[in-house]
């Protein structure tokens, strides 16, 4: 899977906002620090769910089982909005 290059992360008023470039609809999504961390590490490459899990366990004090649940939720949420392409 990969992150669609039409989306860009921008800082606006101290918050990280995801914006769809050139779309007919305006899509804006607020990202927390963890999502920003994952985005910055995955935005320009192909990746698997296991890569997201590894990033979470490397960057945060989290058990692998919790990291897998969180990674799955993050990927599904971004897929729902067409941000991640399979």
PDB file of N, CA and C in Angstrom:
ATOM      1  N   UNK A   1       0.847  -1.167   0.000  1.00  0.00           N
ATOM      2  CA  UNK A   1       0.000   0.000   0.000  1.00  0.00           C
ATOM      3  C   UNK A   1       0.889   1.226   0.000  1.00  0.00           C
ATOM      4  N   UNK A   2       0.293   2.372  -0.307  1.00  0.00           N
ATOM      5  CA  UNK A   2       1.038   3.618  -0.279  1.00  0.00           C
ATOM      6  C   UNK A   2       0.080   4.778  -0.012  1.00  0.00           C
ATOM      7  N   UNK A   3       0.655   5.893   0.412  1.00  0.00           N
ATOM      8  CA  UNK A   3      -0.128   7.105   0.637  1.00  0.00           C
ATOM      9  C   UNK A   3      -0.273   7.832  -0.698  1.00  0.00           C
ATOM     10  N   UNK A   4      -1.489   8.214  -1.036  1.00  0.00           N
ATOM     11  CA  UNK A   4      -1.764   8.930  -2.279  1.00  0.00           C
ATOM     12  C   UNK A   4      -1.039  10.282  -2.256  1.00  0.00           C
ATOM     13  N   UNK A   5      -0.268  10.548  -3.291  1.00  0.00           N
ATOM     14  CA  UNK A   5       0.548  11.768  -3.348  1.00  0.00           C
ATOM     15  C   UNK A   5      -0.273  13.047  -3.518  1.00  0.00           C
ATOM     16  N   UNK A   6      -1.577  12.929  -3.736  1.00  0.00           N
ATOM     17  CA  UNK A   6      -2.426  14.119  -3.850  1.00  0.00           C
ATOM     18  C   UNK A   6      -2.684  14.767  -2.491  1.00  0.00           C
ATOM     19  N   UNK A   7      -2.319  14.082  -1.422  1.00  0.00           N
ATOM     20  CA  UNK A   7      -2.538  14.601  -0.079  1.00  0.00           C
ATOM     21  C   UNK A   7      -1.247  15.190   0.472  1.00  0.00           C
ATOM     22  N   UNK A   8      -1.364  16.333   1.164  1.00  0.00           N
ATOM     23  CA  UNK A   8      -0.217  16.990   1.772  1.00  0.00           C
ATOM     24  C   UNK A   8      -0.551  17.341   3.226  1.00  0.00           C
ATOM     25  N   UNK A   9       0.458  17.238   4.048  1.00  0.00           N
ATOM     26  CA  UNK A   9       0.330  17.591   5.453  1.00  0.00           C
ATOM     27  C   UNK A   9       0.874  19.006   5.644  1.00  0.00           C
ATOM     28  N   UNK A  10       0.070  19.881   6.247  1.00  0.00           N
ATOM     29  CA  UNK A  10       0.466  21.272   6.468  1.00  0.00           C
ATOM     30  C   UNK A  10       0.196  21.648   7.920  1.00  0.00           C
ATOM     31  N   UNK A  11       1.031  22.526   8.441  1.00  0.00           N
ATOM     32  CA  UNK A  11       0.791  23.035   9.785  1.00  0.00           C
ATOM     33  C   UNK A  11      -0.006  24.328   9.667  1.00  0.00           C
ATOM     34  N   UNK A  12      -1.155  24.363  10.346  1.00  0.00           N
ATOM     35  CA  UNK A  12      -2.030  25.528  10.328  1.00  0.00           C
ATOM     36  C   UNK A  12      -2.419  25.822  11.776  1.00  0.00           C
ATOM     37  N   UNK A  13      -2.086  26.996  12.234  1.00  0.00           N
ATOM     38  CA  UNK A  13      -2.429  27.430  13.603  1.00  0.00           C
ATOM     39  C   UNK A  13      -1.997  26.400  14.648  1.00  0.00           C
ATOM     40  N   UNK A  14      -0.798  25.857  14.466  1.00  0.00           N
ATOM     41  CA  UNK A  14      -0.253  24.916  15.436  1.00  0.00           C
ATOM     42  C   UNK A  14      -0.764  23.490  15.326  1.00  0.00           C
ATOM     43  N   UNK A  15      -1.609  23.219  14.334  1.00  0.00           N
ATOM     44  CA  UNK A  15      -2.136  21.867  14.144  1.00  0.00           C
ATOM     45  C   UNK A  15      -1.675  21.333  12.798  1.00  0.00           C
ATOM     46  N   UNK A  16      -1.480  20.017  12.737  1.00  0.00           N
ATOM     47  CA  UNK A  16      -1.129  19.352  11.487  1.00  0.00           C
ATOM     48  C   UNK A  16      -2.422  18.976  10.770  1.00  0.00           C
ATOM     49  N   UNK A  17      -2.592  19.514   9.590  1.00  0.00           N
ATOM     50  CA  UNK A  17      -3.814  19.321   8.809  1.00  0.00           C
ATOM     51  C   UNK A  17      -3.460  18.632   7.494  1.00  0.00           C
ATOM     52  N   UNK A  18      -4.216  17.598   7.151  1.00  0.00           N
ATOM     53  CA  UNK A  18      -4.045  16.900   5.881  1.00  0.00           C
ATOM     54  C   UNK A  18      -4.996  17.515   4.868  1.00  0.00           C
ATOM     55  N   UNK A  19      -4.465  17.872   3.694  1.00  0.00           N
ATOM     56  CA  UNK A  19      -5.256  18.553   2.671  1.00  0.00           C
ATOM     57  C   UNK A  19      -5.129  17.805   1.351  1.00  0.00           C
ATOM     58  N   UNK A  20      -6.249  17.628   0.656  1.00  0.00           N
ATOM     59  CA  UNK A  20      -6.266  17.043  -0.685  1.00  0.00           C
ATOM     60  C   UNK A  20      -5.986  18.143  -1.692  1.00  0.00           C
ATOM     61  N   UNK A  21      -4.966  17.948  -2.506  1.00  0.00           N
ATOM     62  CA  UNK A  21      -4.607  18.939  -3.521  1.00  0.00           C
ATOM     63  C   UNK A  21      -5.374  18.704  -4.809  1.00  0.00           C
ATOM     64  N   UNK A  22      -5.975  19.742  -5.332  1.00  0.00           N
ATOM     65  CA  UNK A  22      -6.599  19.693  -6.648  1.00  0.00           C
ATOM     66  C   UNK A  22      -7.858  18.864  -6.749  1.00  0.00           C
ATOM     67  N   UNK A  23      -8.479  18.552  -5.663  1.00  0.00           N
ATOM     68  CA  UNK A  23      -9.698  17.753  -5.712  1.00  0.00           C
ATOM     69  C   UNK A  23     -10.940  18.606  -5.901  1.00  0.00           C
ATOM     70  N   UNK A  24     -11.991  18.005  -6.382  1.00  0.00           N
ATOM     71  CA  UNK A  24     -13.256  18.706  -6.552  1.00  0.00           C
ATOM     72  C   UNK A  24     -13.873  19.030  -5.194  1.00  0.00           C
ATOM     73  N   UNK A  25     -13.613  18.174  -4.222  1.00  0.00           N
ATOM     74  CA  UNK A  25     -14.120  18.385  -2.868  1.00  0.00           C
ATOM     75  C   UNK A  25     -12.956  18.821  -1.979  1.00  0.00           C
ATOM     76  N   UNK A  26     -13.271  19.578  -0.965  1.00  0.00           N
ATOM     77  CA  UNK A  26     -12.259  19.936   0.016  1.00  0.00           C
ATOM     78  C   UNK A  26     -12.234  18.859   1.091  1.00  0.00           C
ATOM     79  N   UNK A  27     -11.085  18.264   1.281  1.00  0.00           N
ATOM     80  CA  UNK A  27     -10.896  17.276   2.330  1.00  0.00           C
ATOM     81  C   UNK A  27      -9.864  17.825   3.293  1.00  0.00           C
ATOM     82  N   UNK A  28     -10.232  17.909   4.557  1.00  0.00           N
ATOM     83  CA  UNK A  28      -9.311  18.361   5.586  1.00  0.00           C
ATOM     84  C   UNK A  28      -9.432  17.406   6.755  1.00  0.00           C
ATOM     85  N   UNK A  29      -8.297  16.964   7.266  1.00  0.00           N
ATOM     86  CA  UNK A  29      -8.284  16.034   8.392  1.00  0.00           C
ATOM     87  C   UNK A  29      -7.194  16.479   9.363  1.00  0.00           C
ATOM     88  N   UNK A  30      -7.534  16.568  10.630  1.00  0.00           N
ATOM     89  CA  UNK A  30      -6.583  16.945  11.676  1.00  0.00           C
ATOM     90  C   UNK A  30      -5.805  15.697  12.087  1.00  0.00           C
ATOM     91  N   UNK A  31      -4.469  15.788  12.144  1.00  0.00           N
ATOM     92  CA  UNK A  31      -3.615  14.661  12.519  1.00  0.00           C
ATOM     93  C   UNK A  31      -3.028  14.892  13.901  1.00  0.00           C
ATOM     94  N   UNK A  32      -3.024  13.848  14.726  1.00  0.00           N
ATOM     95  CA  UNK A  32      -2.330  13.934  16.008  1.00  0.00           C
ATOM     96  C   UNK A  32      -0.843  13.640  15.784  1.00  0.00           C
ATOM     97  N   UNK A  33      -0.046  13.757  16.847  1.00  0.00           N
ATOM     98  CA  UNK A  33       1.404  13.580  16.724  1.00  0.00           C
ATOM     99  C   UNK A  33       1.787  12.200  16.196  1.00  0.00           C
ATOM    100  N   UNK A  34       1.073  11.172  16.610  1.00  0.00           N
ATOM    101  CA  UNK A  34       1.372   9.811  16.152  1.00  0.00           C
ATOM    102  C   UNK A  34       1.107   9.682  14.659  1.00  0.00           C
ATOM    103  N   UNK A  35      -0.007  10.224  14.190  1.00  0.00           N
ATOM    104  CA  UNK A  35      -0.309  10.171  12.757  1.00  0.00           C
ATOM    105  C   UNK A  35       0.720  10.940  11.944  1.00  0.00           C
ATOM    106  N   UNK A  36       1.172  12.072  12.461  1.00  0.00           N
ATOM    107  CA  UNK A  36       2.210  12.845  11.776  1.00  0.00           C
ATOM    108  C   UNK A  36       3.491  12.016  11.682  1.00  0.00           C
ATOM    109  N   UNK A  37       3.871  11.365  12.785  1.00  0.00           N
ATOM    110  CA  UNK A  37       5.061  10.508  12.817  1.00  0.00           C
ATOM    111  C   UNK A  37       4.961   9.400  11.767  1.00  0.00           C
ATOM    112  N   UNK A  38       3.817   8.724  11.711  1.00  0.00           N
ATOM    113  CA  UNK A  38       3.626   7.659  10.725  1.00  0.00           C
ATOM    114  C   UNK A  38       3.657   8.223   9.311  1.00  0.00           C
ATOM    115  N   UNK A  39       2.956   9.319   9.086  1.00  0.00           N
ATOM    116  CA  UNK A  39       2.906   9.957   7.765  1.00  0.00           C
ATOM    117  C   UNK A  39       4.307  10.292   7.273  1.00  0.00           C
ATOM    118  N   UNK A  40       5.087  10.966   8.116  1.00  0.00           N
ATOM    119  CA  UNK A  40       6.420  11.406   7.714  1.00  0.00           C
ATOM    120  C   UNK A  40       7.332  10.224   7.366  1.00  0.00           C
ATOM    121  N   UNK A  41       7.136   9.102   8.020  1.00  0.00           N
ATOM    122  CA  UNK A  41       7.967   7.923   7.770  1.00  0.00           C
ATOM    123  C   UNK A  41       7.485   7.052   6.614  1.00  0.00           C
ATOM    124  N   UNK A  42       6.241   7.246   6.187  1.00  0.00           N
ATOM    125  CA  UNK A  42       5.667   6.361   5.166  1.00  0.00           C
ATOM    126  C   UNK A  42       5.242   7.074   3.882  1.00  0.00           C
ATOM    127  N   UNK A  43       5.280   8.390   3.845  1.00  0.00           N
ATOM    128  CA  UNK A  43       4.647   9.150   2.758  1.00  0.00           C
ATOM    129  C   UNK A  43       5.227   8.926   1.371  1.00  0.00           C
ATOM    130  N   UNK A  44       6.460   8.508   1.262  1.00  0.00           N
ATOM    131  CA  UNK A  44       7.060   8.407  -0.077  1.00  0.00           C
ATOM    132  C   UNK A  44       7.518   7.006  -0.424  1.00  0.00           C
ATOM    133  N   UNK A  45       6.847   6.003   0.145  1.00  0.00           N
ATOM    134  CA  UNK A  45       7.270   4.629  -0.149  1.00  0.00           C
ATOM    135  C   UNK A  45       6.103   3.668  -0.012  1.00  0.00           C
ATOM    136  N   UNK A  46       6.285   2.510  -0.594  1.00  0.00           N
ATOM    137  CA  UNK A  46       5.346   1.412  -0.400  1.00  0.00           C
ATOM    138  C   UNK A  46       5.547   0.868   1.009  1.00  0.00           C
ATOM    139  N   UNK A  47       4.480   0.419   1.634  1.00  0.00           N
ATOM    140  CA  UNK A  47       4.601  -0.147   2.968  1.00  0.00           C
ATOM    141  C   UNK A  47       3.505  -1.177   3.214  1.00  0.00           C
ATOM    142  N   UNK A  48       3.738  -1.981   4.234  1.00  0.00           N
ATOM    143  CA  UNK A  48       2.792  -2.997   4.686  1.00  0.00           C
ATOM    144  C   UNK A  48       2.344  -2.636   6.097  1.00  0.00           C
ATOM    145  N   UNK A  49       1.297  -3.278   6.559  1.00  0.00           N
ATOM    146  CA  UNK A  49       0.818  -3.058   7.923  1.00  0.00           C
ATOM    147  C   UNK A  49       1.943  -3.277   8.927  1.00  0.00           C
ATOM    148  N   UNK A  50       2.778  -4.269   8.687  1.00  0.00           N
ATOM    149  CA  UNK A  50       3.874  -4.579   9.606  1.00  0.00           C
ATOM    150  C   UNK A  50       4.852  -3.404   9.729  1.00  0.00           C
ATOM    151  N   UNK A  51       5.029  -2.616   8.677  1.00  0.00           N
ATOM    152  CA  UNK A  51       5.878  -1.428   8.748  1.00  0.00           C
ATOM    153  C   UNK A  51       5.296  -0.398   9.718  1.00  0.00           C
ATOM    154  N   UNK A  52       3.994  -0.247   9.708  1.00  0.00           N
ATOM    155  CA  UNK A  52       3.324   0.679  10.621  1.00  0.00           C
ATOM    156  C   UNK A  52       3.494   0.184  12.061  1.00  0.00           C
ATOM    157  N   UNK A  53       3.304  -1.115  12.262  1.00  0.00           N
ATOM    158  CA  UNK A  53       3.486  -1.707  13.597  1.00  0.00           C
ATOM    159  C   UNK A  53       4.906  -1.453  14.090  1.00  0.00           C
ATOM    160  N   UNK A  54       5.899  -1.690  13.240  1.00  0.00           N
ATOM    161  CA  UNK A  54       7.309  -1.472  13.616  1.00  0.00           C
ATOM    162  C   UNK A  54       7.571  -0.030  14.008  1.00  0.00           C
ATOM    163  N   UNK A  55       7.031   0.900  13.245  1.00  0.00           N
ATOM    164  CA  UNK A  55       7.212   2.314  13.571  1.00  0.00           C
ATOM    165  C   UNK A  55       6.603   2.654  14.927  1.00  0.00           C
ATOM    166  N   UNK A  56       5.439   2.108  15.194  1.00  0.00           N
ATOM    167  CA  UNK A  56       4.789   2.386  16.478  1.00  0.00           C
ATOM    168  C   UNK A  56       5.578   1.820  17.649  1.00  0.00           C
ATOM    169  N   UNK A  57       6.075   0.597  17.511  1.00  0.00           N
ATOM    170  CA  UNK A  57       6.836   0.003  18.619  1.00  0.00           C
ATOM    171  C   UNK A  57       8.212   0.652  18.760  1.00  0.00           C
ATOM    172  N   UNK A  58       8.758   1.154  17.670  1.00  0.00           N
ATOM    173  CA  UNK A  58      10.056   1.838  17.714  1.00  0.00           C
ATOM    174  C   UNK A  58       9.918   3.237  18.331  1.00  0.00           C
ATOM    175  N   UNK A  59       8.873   3.945  17.974  1.00  0.00           N
ATOM    176  CA  UNK A  59       8.714   5.340  18.384  1.00  0.00           C
ATOM    177  C   UNK A  59       7.977   5.568  19.679  1.00  0.00           C
ATOM    178  N   UNK A  60       7.295   4.537  20.162  1.00  0.00           N
ATOM    179  CA  UNK A  60       6.454   4.703  21.350  1.00  0.00           C
ATOM    180  C   UNK A  60       6.591   3.491  22.263  1.00  0.00           C
ATOM    181  N   UNK A  61       6.324   3.697  23.520  1.00  0.00           N
ATOM    182  CA  UNK A  61       6.346   2.616  24.504  1.00  0.00           C
ATOM    183  C   UNK A  61       4.991   1.911  24.455  1.00  0.00           C
ATOM    184  N   UNK A  62       4.877   0.986  23.503  1.00  0.00           N
ATOM    185  CA  UNK A  62       3.607   0.288  23.288  1.00  0.00           C
ATOM    186  C   UNK A  62       3.891  -1.183  23.009  1.00  0.00           C
ATOM    187  N   UNK A  63       3.040  -2.038  23.556  1.00  0.00           N
ATOM    188  CA  UNK A  63       3.147  -3.475  23.296  1.00  0.00           C
ATOM    189  C   UNK A  63       2.829  -3.746  21.830  1.00  0.00           C
ATOM    190  N   UNK A  64       3.453  -4.770  21.292  1.00  0.00           N
ATOM    191  CA  UNK A  64       3.263  -5.127  19.876  1.00  0.00           C
ATOM    192  C   UNK A  64       1.790  -5.385  19.537  1.00  0.00           C
ATOM    193  N   UNK A  65       1.071  -6.048  20.427  1.00  0.00           N
ATOM    194  CA  UNK A  65      -0.346  -6.350  20.152  1.00  0.00           C
ATOM    195  C   UNK A  65      -1.167  -5.059  20.065  1.00  0.00           C
ATOM    196  N   UNK A  66      -0.880  -4.096  20.944  1.00  0.00           N
ATOM    197  CA  UNK A  66      -1.580  -2.810  20.887  1.00  0.00           C
ATOM    198  C   UNK A  66      -1.162  -2.031  19.645  1.00  0.00           C
ATOM    199  N   UNK A  67       0.110  -2.092  19.306  1.00  0.00           N
ATOM    200  CA  UNK A  67       0.600  -1.410  18.104  1.00  0.00           C
ATOM    201  C   UNK A  67      -0.090  -1.961  16.855  1.00  0.00           C
ATOM    202  N   UNK A  68      -0.298  -3.270  16.807  1.00  0.00           N
ATOM    203  CA  UNK A  68      -0.977  -3.878  15.649  1.00  0.00           C
ATOM    204  C   UNK A  68      -2.427  -3.380  15.565  1.00  0.00           C
ATOM    205  N   UNK A  69      -3.115  -3.319  16.693  1.00  0.00           N
ATOM    206  CA  UNK A  69      -4.496  -2.813  16.680  1.00  0.00           C
ATOM    207  C   UNK A  69      -4.532  -1.346  16.236  1.00  0.00           C
ATOM    208  N   UNK A  70      -3.613  -0.544  16.772  1.00  0.00           N
ATOM    209  CA  UNK A  70      -3.567   0.870  16.416  1.00  0.00           C
ATOM    210  C   UNK A  70      -3.196   1.061  14.942  1.00  0.00           C
ATOM    211  N   UNK A  71      -2.244   0.279  14.458  1.00  0.00           N
ATOM    212  CA  UNK A  71      -1.825   0.365  13.061  1.00  0.00           C
ATOM    213  C   UNK A  71      -2.982  -0.006  12.132  1.00  0.00           C
ATOM    214  N   UNK A  72      -3.694  -1.050  12.474  1.00  0.00           N
ATOM    215  CA  UNK A  72      -4.837  -1.485  11.667  1.00  0.00           C
ATOM    216  C   UNK A  72      -5.892  -0.389  11.616  1.00  0.00           C
ATOM    217  N   UNK A  73      -6.179   0.207  12.755  1.00  0.00           N
ATOM    218  CA  UNK A  73      -7.179   1.275  12.816  1.00  0.00           C
ATOM    219  C   UNK A  73      -6.732   2.485  11.983  1.00  0.00           C
ATOM    220  N   UNK A  74      -5.453   2.854  12.074  1.00  0.00           N
ATOM    221  CA  UNK A  74      -4.921   3.999  11.327  1.00  0.00           C
ATOM    222  C   UNK A  74      -5.039   3.752   9.818  1.00  0.00           C
ATOM    223  N   UNK A  75      -4.623   2.566   9.382  1.00  0.00           N
ATOM    224  CA  UNK A  75      -4.676   2.230   7.955  1.00  0.00           C
ATOM    225  C   UNK A  75      -6.125   2.205   7.463  1.00  0.00           C
ATOM    226  N   UNK A  76      -7.017   1.583   8.203  1.00  0.00           N
ATOM    227  CA  UNK A  76      -8.422   1.511   7.777  1.00  0.00           C
ATOM    228  C   UNK A  76      -9.055   2.891   7.686  1.00  0.00           C
ATOM    229  N   UNK A  77      -8.735   3.755   8.637  1.00  0.00           N
ATOM    230  CA  UNK A  77      -9.283   5.112   8.621  1.00  0.00           C
ATOM    231  C   UNK A  77      -8.804   5.874   7.383  1.00  0.00           C
ATOM    232  N   UNK A  78      -7.531   5.763   7.060  1.00  0.00           N
ATOM    233  CA  UNK A  78      -7.010   6.467   5.889  1.00  0.00           C
ATOM    234  C   UNK A  78      -7.508   5.836   4.583  1.00  0.00           C
ATOM    235  N   UNK A  79      -7.705   4.538   4.577  1.00  0.00           N
ATOM    236  CA  UNK A  79      -8.278   3.877   3.390  1.00  0.00           C
ATOM    237  C   UNK A  79      -9.701   4.356   3.163  1.00  0.00           C
ATOM    238  N   UNK A  80     -10.450   4.529   4.231  1.00  0.00           N
ATOM    239  CA  UNK A  80     -11.840   4.964   4.156  1.00  0.00           C
ATOM    240  C   UNK A  80     -11.969   6.283   3.388  1.00  0.00           C
ATOM    241  N   UNK A  81     -10.995   7.143   3.545  1.00  0.00           N
ATOM    242  CA  UNK A  81     -11.018   8.458   2.889  1.00  0.00           C
ATOM    243  C   UNK A  81     -10.178   8.516   1.618  1.00  0.00           C
ATOM    244  N   UNK A  82      -9.698   7.364   1.160  1.00  0.00           N
ATOM    245  CA  UNK A  82      -8.938   7.305  -0.083  1.00  0.00           C
ATOM    246  C   UNK A  82      -7.539   7.867   0.020  1.00  0.00           C
ATOM    247  N   UNK A  83      -7.019   7.968   1.230  1.00  0.00           N
ATOM    248  CA  UNK A  83      -5.685   8.527   1.444  1.00  0.00           C
ATOM    249  C   UNK A  83      -4.616   7.455   1.223  1.00  0.00           C
ATOM    250  N   UNK A  84      -4.937   6.237   1.578  1.00  0.00           N
ATOM    251  CA  UNK A  84      -4.045   5.104   1.341  1.00  0.00           C
ATOM    252  C   UNK A  84      -4.591   4.299   0.174  1.00  0.00           C
ATOM    253  N   UNK A  85      -3.713   3.985  -0.760  1.00  0.00           N
ATOM    254  CA  UNK A  85      -4.057   3.194  -1.943  1.00  0.00           C
ATOM    255  C   UNK A  85      -3.435   1.817  -1.793  1.00  0.00           C
ATOM    256  N   UNK A  86      -4.244   0.786  -2.021  1.00  0.00           N
ATOM    257  CA  UNK A  86      -3.724  -0.581  -1.934  1.00  0.00           C
ATOM    258  C   UNK A  86      -3.001  -0.971  -3.203  1.00  0.00           C
TER     259      UNK A  86
END
